[in-house]
Amino acid sequence: MRKILEIKFGDIELFHPNRAFFDRTGISQKRWAELAFGYSQPSEEEVKHVVKAINYDVNDALKFFDALQLPLFE
């Protein structure tokens, strides 16, 4: 989840979820803190809801997959 936010916003601290975000995603504030800071792994449903809520587009997804593959070649 942290990598998704970093790709979309550049710095995770630039994203400030509000009550509407929590309502749309169905994720509580406590659970969000665990996910956003990498203390817990998100479920597939949680990822889908967050991606939809932050308007993650195809270009963002391509950047995400590129970021995952980079360490393989270092």
PDB file of N, CA and C in Angstrom:
ATOM      1  N   MET A   1       0.839  -1.186   0.000  1.00  0.00           N
ATOM      2  CA  MET A   1       0.000   0.000   0.000  1.00  0.00           C
ATOM      3  C   MET A   1       0.885   1.251   0.000  1.00  0.00           C
ATOM      4  N   ARG A   2       1.950   1.187   0.752  1.00  0.00           N
ATOM      5  CA  ARG A   2       2.859   2.332   0.836  1.00  0.00           C
ATOM      6  C   ARG A   2       3.424   2.688  -0.542  1.00  0.00           C
ATOM      7  N   LYS A   3       3.808   1.693  -1.317  1.00  0.00           N
ATOM      8  CA  LYS A   3       4.380   1.928  -2.638  1.00  0.00           C
ATOM      9  C   LYS A   3       3.329   2.551  -3.568  1.00  0.00           C
ATOM     10  N   ILE A   4       2.101   2.123  -3.464  1.00  0.00           N
ATOM     11  CA  ILE A   4       1.017   2.695  -4.272  1.00  0.00           C
ATOM     12  C   ILE A   4       0.882   4.189  -3.979  1.00  0.00           C
ATOM     13  N   LEU A   5       0.918   4.556  -2.709  1.00  0.00           N
ATOM     14  CA  LEU A   5       0.799   5.966  -2.336  1.00  0.00           C
ATOM     15  C   LEU A   5       2.023   6.766  -2.765  1.00  0.00           C
ATOM     16  N   GLU A   6       3.205   6.167  -2.667  1.00  0.00           N
ATOM     17  CA  GLU A   6       4.420   6.866  -3.082  1.00  0.00           C
ATOM     18  C   GLU A   6       4.406   7.146  -4.581  1.00  0.00           C
ATOM     19  N   ILE A   7       3.928   6.196  -5.374  1.00  0.00           N
ATOM     20  CA  ILE A   7       3.849   6.388  -6.821  1.00  0.00           C
ATOM     21  C   ILE A   7       2.848   7.499  -7.154  1.00  0.00           C
ATOM     22  N   LYS A   8       1.702   7.485  -6.491  1.00  0.00           N
ATOM     23  CA  LYS A   8       0.644   8.456  -6.796  1.00  0.00           C
ATOM     24  C   LYS A   8       0.975   9.869  -6.313  1.00  0.00           C
ATOM     25  N   PHE A   9       1.502   9.990  -5.098  1.00  0.00           N
ATOM     26  CA  PHE A   9       1.687  11.310  -4.489  1.00  0.00           C
ATOM     27  C   PHE A   9       3.144  11.735  -4.350  1.00  0.00           C
ATOM     28  N   GLY A  10       4.079  10.857  -4.605  1.00  0.00           N
ATOM     29  CA  GLY A  10       5.493  11.194  -4.459  1.00  0.00           C
ATOM     30  C   GLY A  10       5.967  11.027  -3.029  1.00  0.00           C
ATOM     31  N   ASP A  11       5.279  11.609  -2.095  1.00  0.00           N
ATOM     32  CA  ASP A  11       5.605  11.502  -0.676  1.00  0.00           C
ATOM     33  C   ASP A  11       4.335  11.079   0.051  1.00  0.00           C
ATOM     34  N   ILE A  12       4.428  10.010   0.807  1.00  0.00           N
ATOM     35  CA  ILE A  12       3.248   9.464   1.476  1.00  0.00           C
ATOM     36  C   ILE A  12       2.624  10.474   2.439  1.00  0.00           C
ATOM     37  N   GLU A  13       3.426  11.385   2.963  1.00  0.00           N
ATOM     38  CA  GLU A  13       2.909  12.370   3.908  1.00  0.00           C
ATOM     39  C   GLU A  13       2.042  13.438   3.233  1.00  0.00           C
ATOM     40  N   LEU A  14       2.052  13.485   1.903  1.00  0.00           N
ATOM     41  CA  LEU A  14       1.202  14.441   1.188  1.00  0.00           C
ATOM     42  C   LEU A  14      -0.250  13.974   1.114  1.00  0.00           C
ATOM     43  N   PHE A  15      -0.487  12.713   1.402  1.00  0.00           N
ATOM     44  CA  PHE A  15      -1.841  12.173   1.351  1.00  0.00           C
ATOM     45  C   PHE A  15      -2.455  12.208   2.745  1.00  0.00           C
ATOM     46  N   HIS A  16      -3.578  12.902   2.874  1.00  0.00           N
ATOM     47  CA  HIS A  16      -4.279  13.005   4.145  1.00  0.00           C
ATOM     48  C   HIS A  16      -5.699  12.477   3.968  1.00  0.00           C
ATOM     49  N   PRO A  17      -5.929  11.212   4.319  1.00  0.00           N
ATOM     50  CA  PRO A  17      -7.273  10.661   4.151  1.00  0.00           C
ATOM     51  C   PRO A  17      -8.272  11.337   5.094  1.00  0.00           C
ATOM     52  N   ASN A  18      -9.482  11.493   4.603  1.00  0.00           N
ATOM     53  CA  ASN A  18     -10.543  12.086   5.417  1.00  0.00           C
ATOM     54  C   ASN A  18     -11.640  11.046   5.651  1.00  0.00           C
ATOM     55  N   ARG A  19     -12.674  11.452   6.342  1.00  0.00           N
ATOM     56  CA  ARG A  19     -13.762  10.528   6.683  1.00  0.00           C
ATOM     57  C   ARG A  19     -14.404   9.948   5.424  1.00  0.00           C
ATOM     58  N   ALA A  20     -14.557  10.745   4.375  1.00  0.00           N
ATOM     59  CA  ALA A  20     -15.158  10.258   3.129  1.00  0.00           C
ATOM     60  C   ALA A  20     -14.305   9.141   2.524  1.00  0.00           C
ATOM     61  N   PHE A  21     -12.981   9.281   2.586  1.00  0.00           N
ATOM     62  CA  PHE A  21     -12.086   8.244   2.079  1.00  0.00           C
ATOM     63  C   PHE A  21     -12.285   6.940   2.849  1.00  0.00           C
ATOM     64  N   PHE A  22     -12.333   7.042   4.173  1.00  0.00           N
ATOM     65  CA  PHE A  22     -12.519   5.841   4.999  1.00  0.00           C
ATOM     66  C   PHE A  22     -13.873   5.195   4.727  1.00  0.00           C
ATOM     67  N   ASP A  23     -14.889   6.006   4.522  1.00  0.00           N
ATOM     68  CA  ASP A  23     -16.217   5.473   4.216  1.00  0.00           C
ATOM     69  C   ASP A  23     -16.235   4.776   2.851  1.00  0.00           C
ATOM     70  N   ARG A  24     -15.594   5.395   1.839  1.00  0.00           N
ATOM     71  CA  ARG A  24     -15.571   4.805   0.496  1.00  0.00           C
ATOM     72  C   ARG A  24     -14.790   3.494   0.462  1.00  0.00           C
ATOM     73  N   THR A  25     -13.705   3.429   1.204  1.00  0.00           N
ATOM     74  CA  THR A  25     -12.858   2.235   1.147  1.00  0.00           C
ATOM     75  C   THR A  25     -13.283   1.160   2.139  1.00  0.00           C
ATOM     76  N   GLY A  26     -13.991   1.557   3.183  1.00  0.00           N
ATOM     77  CA  GLY A  26     -14.387   0.584   4.203  1.00  0.00           C
ATOM     78  C   GLY A  26     -13.239   0.209   5.124  1.00  0.00           C
ATOM     79  N   ILE A  27     -12.199   1.029   5.155  1.00  0.00           N
ATOM     80  CA  ILE A  27     -11.032   0.773   5.993  1.00  0.00           C
ATOM     81  C   ILE A  27     -11.071   1.751   7.168  1.00  0.00           C
ATOM     82  N   SER A  28     -10.848   1.234   8.369  1.00  0.00           N
ATOM     83  CA  SER A  28     -10.844   2.103   9.547  1.00  0.00           C
ATOM     84  C   SER A  28      -9.538   2.890   9.627  1.00  0.00           C
ATOM     85  N   GLN A  29      -9.523   3.932  10.450  1.00  0.00           N
ATOM     86  CA  GLN A  29      -8.320   4.746  10.611  1.00  0.00           C
ATOM     87  C   GLN A  29      -7.159   3.915  11.150  1.00  0.00           C
ATOM     88  N   LYS A  30      -7.447   3.052  12.099  1.00  0.00           N
ATOM     89  CA  LYS A  30      -6.397   2.218  12.690  1.00  0.00           C
ATOM     90  C   LYS A  30      -5.838   1.259  11.639  1.00  0.00           C
ATOM     91  N   ARG A  31      -6.703   0.632  10.894  1.00  0.00           N
ATOM     92  CA  ARG A  31      -6.262  -0.290   9.839  1.00  0.00           C
ATOM     93  C   ARG A  31      -5.472   0.469   8.773  1.00  0.00           C
ATOM     94  N   TRP A  32      -5.905   1.681   8.431  1.00  0.00           N
ATOM     95  CA  TRP A  32      -5.210   2.479   7.431  1.00  0.00           C
ATOM     96  C   TRP A  32      -3.771   2.768   7.870  1.00  0.00           C
ATOM     97  N   ALA A  33      -3.593   3.114   9.120  1.00  0.00           N
ATOM     98  CA  ALA A  33      -2.244   3.391   9.621  1.00  0.00           C
ATOM     99  C   ALA A  33      -1.358   2.148   9.482  1.00  0.00           C
ATOM    100  N   GLU A  34      -1.899   0.992   9.779  1.00  0.00           N
ATOM    101  CA  GLU A  34      -1.142  -0.261   9.637  1.00  0.00           C
ATOM    102  C   GLU A  34      -0.757  -0.498   8.181  1.00  0.00           C
ATOM    103  N   LEU A  35      -1.683  -0.238   7.267  1.00  0.00           N
ATOM    104  CA  LEU A  35      -1.433  -0.467   5.845  1.00  0.00           C
ATOM    105  C   LEU A  35      -0.475   0.572   5.258  1.00  0.00           C
ATOM    106  N   ALA A  36      -0.715   1.827   5.557  1.00  0.00           N
ATOM    107  CA  ALA A  36       0.058   2.910   4.954  1.00  0.00           C
ATOM    108  C   ALA A  36       1.520   2.898   5.380  1.00  0.00           C
ATOM    109  N   PHE A  37       1.788   2.450   6.585  1.00  0.00           N
ATOM    110  CA  PHE A  37       3.169   2.434   7.064  1.00  0.00           C
ATOM    111  C   PHE A  37       3.809   1.058   7.001  1.00  0.00           C
ATOM    112  N   GLY A  38       3.122   0.118   6.350  1.00  0.00           N
ATOM    113  CA  GLY A  38       3.715  -1.183   6.072  1.00  0.00           C
ATOM    114  C   GLY A  38       3.751  -2.164   7.222  1.00  0.00           C
ATOM    115  N   TYR A  39       2.963  -1.936   8.263  1.00  0.00           N
ATOM    116  CA  TYR A  39       2.942  -2.856   9.387  1.00  0.00           C
ATOM    117  C   TYR A  39       2.085  -4.079   9.113  1.00  0.00           C
ATOM    118  N   SER A  40       1.233  -3.978   8.100  1.00  0.00           N
ATOM    119  CA  SER A  40       0.311  -5.062   7.787  1.00  0.00           C
ATOM    120  C   SER A  40       0.127  -5.139   6.271  1.00  0.00           C
ATOM    121  N   GLN A  41      -0.124  -6.326   5.761  1.00  0.00           N
ATOM    122  CA  GLN A  41      -0.357  -6.518   4.333  1.00  0.00           C
ATOM    123  C   GLN A  41      -1.834  -6.290   4.011  1.00  0.00           C
ATOM    124  N   PRO A  42      -2.124  -5.524   2.963  1.00  0.00           N
ATOM    125  CA  PRO A  42      -3.527  -5.298   2.596  1.00  0.00           C
ATOM    126  C   PRO A  42      -4.115  -6.516   1.878  1.00  0.00           C
ATOM    127  N   SER A  43      -5.414  -6.667   2.020  1.00  0.00           N
ATOM    128  CA  SER A  43      -6.102  -7.709   1.260  1.00  0.00           C
ATOM    129  C   SER A  43      -6.310  -7.196  -0.163  1.00  0.00           C
ATOM    130  N   GLU A  44      -6.658  -8.081  -1.046  1.00  0.00           N
ATOM    131  CA  GLU A  44      -6.906  -7.693  -2.437  1.00  0.00           C
ATOM    132  C   GLU A  44      -8.057  -6.695  -2.530  1.00  0.00           C
ATOM    133  N   GLU A  45      -9.083  -6.903  -1.732  1.00  0.00           N
ATOM    134  CA  GLU A  45     -10.238  -6.000  -1.732  1.00  0.00           C
ATOM    135  C   GLU A  45      -9.841  -4.609  -1.244  1.00  0.00           C
ATOM    136  N   GLU A  46      -9.016  -4.539  -0.212  1.00  0.00           N
ATOM    137  CA  GLU A  46      -8.579  -3.246   0.301  1.00  0.00           C
ATOM    138  C   GLU A  46      -7.788  -2.480  -0.764  1.00  0.00           C
ATOM    139  N   VAL A  47      -6.920  -3.173  -1.473  1.00  0.00           N
ATOM    140  CA  VAL A  47      -6.143  -2.531  -2.535  1.00  0.00           C
ATOM    141  C   VAL A  47      -7.070  -2.003  -3.620  1.00  0.00           C
ATOM    142  N   LYS A  48      -8.041  -2.802  -4.033  1.00  0.00           N
ATOM    143  CA  LYS A  48      -8.991  -2.375  -5.062  1.00  0.00           C
ATOM    144  C   LYS A  48      -9.743  -1.115  -4.643  1.00  0.00           C
ATOM    145  N   HIS A  49     -10.206  -1.088  -3.401  1.00  0.00           N
ATOM    146  CA  HIS A  49     -10.966   0.060  -2.919  1.00  0.00           C
ATOM    147  C   HIS A  49     -10.099   1.318  -2.850  1.00  0.00           C
ATOM    148  N   VAL A  50      -8.870   1.182  -2.394  1.00  0.00           N
ATOM    149  CA  VAL A  50      -7.980   2.344  -2.280  1.00  0.00           C
ATOM    150  C   VAL A  50      -7.606   2.867  -3.660  1.00  0.00           C
ATOM    151  N   VAL A  51      -7.262   1.968  -4.568  1.00  0.00           N
ATOM    152  CA  VAL A  51      -6.892   2.375  -5.928  1.00  0.00           C
ATOM    153  C   VAL A  51      -8.036   3.143  -6.584  1.00  0.00           C
ATOM    154  N   LYS A  52      -9.231   2.660  -6.396  1.00  0.00           N
ATOM    155  CA  LYS A  52     -10.401   3.343  -6.954  1.00  0.00           C
ATOM    156  C   LYS A  52     -10.622   4.694  -6.279  1.00  0.00           C
ATOM    157  N   ALA A  53     -10.437   4.773  -4.982  1.00  0.00           N
ATOM    158  CA  ALA A  53     -10.687   6.002  -4.231  1.00  0.00           C
ATOM    159  C   ALA A  53      -9.690   7.111  -4.564  1.00  0.00           C
ATOM    160  N   ILE A  54      -8.440   6.750  -4.885  1.00  0.00           N
ATOM    161  CA  ILE A  54      -7.435   7.785  -5.174  1.00  0.00           C
ATOM    162  C   ILE A  54      -7.243   8.011  -6.673  1.00  0.00           C
ATOM    163  N   ASN A  55      -8.125   7.437  -7.481  1.00  0.00           N
ATOM    164  CA  ASN A  55      -8.070   7.606  -8.939  1.00  0.00           C
ATOM    165  C   ASN A  55      -6.735   7.182  -9.533  1.00  0.00           C
ATOM    166  N   TYR A  56      -6.295   6.024  -9.153  1.00  0.00           N
ATOM    167  CA  TYR A  56      -5.055   5.454  -9.661  1.00  0.00           C
ATOM    168  C   TYR A  56      -5.273   5.091 -11.124  1.00  0.00           C
ATOM    169  N   ASP A  57      -4.459   5.624 -12.030  1.00  0.00           N
ATOM    170  CA  ASP A  57      -4.676   5.371 -13.449  1.00  0.00           C
ATOM    171  C   ASP A  57      -3.637   4.396 -14.017  1.00  0.00           C
ATOM    172  N   VAL A  58      -3.721   4.144 -15.295  1.00  0.00           N
ATOM    173  CA  VAL A  58      -2.852   3.164 -15.952  1.00  0.00           C
ATOM    174  C   VAL A  58      -1.386   3.566 -15.844  1.00  0.00           C
ATOM    175  N   ASN A  59      -1.078   4.849 -16.027  1.00  0.00           N
ATOM    176  CA  ASN A  59       0.308   5.299 -15.923  1.00  0.00           C
ATOM    177  C   ASN A  59       0.871   5.067 -14.527  1.00  0.00           C
ATOM    178  N   ASP A  60       0.046   5.297 -13.498  1.00  0.00           N
ATOM    179  CA  ASP A  60       0.478   5.040 -12.131  1.00  0.00           C
ATOM    180  C   ASP A  60       0.746   3.553 -11.925  1.00  0.00           C
ATOM    181  N   ALA A  61      -0.103   2.711 -12.495  1.00  0.00           N
ATOM    182  CA  ALA A  61       0.084   1.263 -12.370  1.00  0.00           C
ATOM    183  C   ALA A  61       1.377   0.816 -13.051  1.00  0.00           C
ATOM    184  N   LEU A  62       1.672   1.384 -14.209  1.00  0.00           N
ATOM    185  CA  LEU A  62       2.918   1.029 -14.901  1.00  0.00           C
ATOM    186  C   LEU A  62       4.134   1.445 -14.085  1.00  0.00           C
ATOM    187  N   LYS A  63       4.082   2.618 -13.466  1.00  0.00           N
ATOM    188  CA  LYS A  63       5.173   3.061 -12.598  1.00  0.00           C
ATOM    189  C   LYS A  63       5.340   2.109 -11.418  1.00  0.00           C
ATOM    190  N   PHE A  64       4.213   1.651 -10.875  1.00  0.00           N
ATOM    191  CA  PHE A  64       4.242   0.724  -9.744  1.00  0.00           C
ATOM    192  C   PHE A  64       4.936  -0.578 -10.141  1.00  0.00           C
ATOM    193  N   PHE A  65       4.576  -1.138 -11.287  1.00  0.00           N
ATOM    194  CA  PHE A  65       5.190  -2.392 -11.720  1.00  0.00           C
ATOM    195  C   PHE A  65       6.662  -2.206 -12.058  1.00  0.00           C
ATOM    196  N   ASP A  66       7.022  -1.060 -12.625  1.00  0.00           N
ATOM    197  CA  ASP A  66       8.438  -0.768 -12.879  1.00  0.00           C
ATOM    198  C   ASP A  66       9.217  -0.706 -11.580  1.00  0.00           C
ATOM    199  N   ALA A  67       8.629  -0.105 -10.552  1.00  0.00           N
ATOM    200  CA  ALA A  67       9.298   0.008  -9.256  1.00  0.00           C
ATOM    201  C   ALA A  67       9.489  -1.362  -8.612  1.00  0.00           C
ATOM    202  N   LEU A  68       8.570  -2.266  -8.866  1.00  0.00           N
ATOM    203  CA  LEU A  68       8.704  -3.612  -8.301  1.00  0.00           C
ATOM    204  C   LEU A  68       9.800  -4.403  -9.004  1.00  0.00           C
ATOM    205  N   GLN A  69       9.993  -4.169 -10.292  1.00  0.00           N
ATOM    206  CA  GLN A  69      10.961  -4.943 -11.065  1.00  0.00           C
ATOM    207  C   GLN A  69      12.378  -4.407 -10.942  1.00  0.00           C
ATOM    208  N   LEU A  70      12.556  -3.156 -10.612  1.00  0.00           N
ATOM    209  CA  LEU A  70      13.874  -2.567 -10.551  1.00  0.00           C
ATOM    210  C   LEU A  70      14.860  -3.339  -9.673  1.00  0.00           C
ATOM    211  N   PRO A  71      14.491  -3.722  -8.446  1.00  0.00           N
ATOM    212  CA  PRO A  71      15.454  -4.436  -7.603  1.00  0.00           C
ATOM    213  C   PRO A  71      15.920  -5.774  -8.185  1.00  0.00           C
ATOM    214  N   LEU A  72      15.156  -6.341  -9.089  1.00  0.00           N
ATOM    215  CA  LEU A  72      15.543  -7.623  -9.674  1.00  0.00           C
ATOM    216  C   LEU A  72      16.810  -7.513 -10.523  1.00  0.00           C
ATOM    217  N   PHE A  73      17.057  -6.324 -11.066  1.00  0.00           N
ATOM    218  CA  PHE A  73      18.167  -6.152 -11.987  1.00  0.00           C
ATOM    219  C   PHE A  73      19.371  -5.442 -11.373  1.00  0.00           C
ATOM    220  N   GLU A  74      19.303  -5.138 -10.122  1.00  0.00           N
ATOM    221  CA  GLU A  74      20.416  -4.446  -9.467  1.00  0.00           C
ATOM    222  C   GLU A  74      21.460  -5.419  -8.973  1.00  0.00           C
TER     223      GLU A  74
END
